[in-house]
Amino acid sequence: MQFNFNFKRSSFFVLMSAFLLASSAMVFQACQKSNDNNIGNADDQGGYASDISRIEWANDDVISIADAAGSVYNGAYMRSSKATEIGACCTVGTDTDDVAGMHSLVIRFGSDDCVCLDGRKRRGTIIVKYMGNYADAGQTHTITFNNYYVNENQLMGTISTVRVDTTITGNWYYKVSARDSMDVNPDPLKSQYVVWYGSLTRKWIQGYGTGDRSDDIFSISGSAMLTRQNGNRFSVDITTPLQFALNCNNCESGVANVTAPQGVRILNYGAGTCDDNAQLNIGVHIYQLKLVP
């Protein structure tokens, strides 16, 4: 009987030790950061990360095109590399609407795709309304669209900008109010709209004054509300400015707190490399994402 008692007691201790080891392993694993993409919904699996990147890139591009047409470059950069004159691909016209001095800057790419010098296809019209001279500080530029597409994504709605001068030459920036949307499905019968309402600050941090849009880089801060194609809404608070280069299809860097229906996430676009990578923090877990331009 003594032998059996010792055997049972030894077995008990062995089982308890195994149970404690297994429990410890489960707790340890639960506290570790994960690098896989086992996320429970499509929104977190790169959905809103891609939507934020592509609609804000398109907004920066449109503001840059308006600046090019209205001041520094006079529209010359937007023509096809094979065109001998601007009319072969894009025309820029101005008009004074009324005696109050409201101007219209109309940038027409035509009804067919126009291949611009940056290699992207554009069609349709961008319309900019403003008072005084285009480059005046403190003036509101109101940008609207008429069947405007960039690489088959249609941009609609309104972007309003106010130029703010600083004491440093070339360091002026825009206060931006975005109330626009993008149809990210090229099939007109299967439209999928991304809606972007934001109050943002846009700084031109590289390429100012070179006369070449390809080296332009912008820094975006502020906050916005994103509505995805599925109707889910996300509050976006930019904690580290988002960086957009016109020669890159995706957001290059920056961090935003995204309040999702399931809670708060930390979205990190990286440290400044042009790639399709991003990172999402949900609690202690880290997930690697791929962006769709």
Foldseek 3Di string as FASTA:
>chain_A
DVVVVVVVVVVVVVVVVVVVVVVVVVVVVVLAADAAQPDDDPCVQQFVQQVVWQVVLVVVVLVVQCCCCQDDPVNPQFAAPPDPDRVVAKDWDKDQDDPQAKMKIKIARDPDWGQTPLRKTKGFIKIWIWGDGPPDAQIKIKIATDQIDINLKGKGDIKIWGWDDDPDPQWIWIFIFDFIWIFPDSPPVDTFIKTKTWGKIKTFDDDPPPSDLQTTKIWIAGWIWIQGSVRWIKTKHWPFTWMDGNSASTTQFGWIWIQGPVGIKIKTNDDGDRAQWIWIDDPSYIYIHGHDD
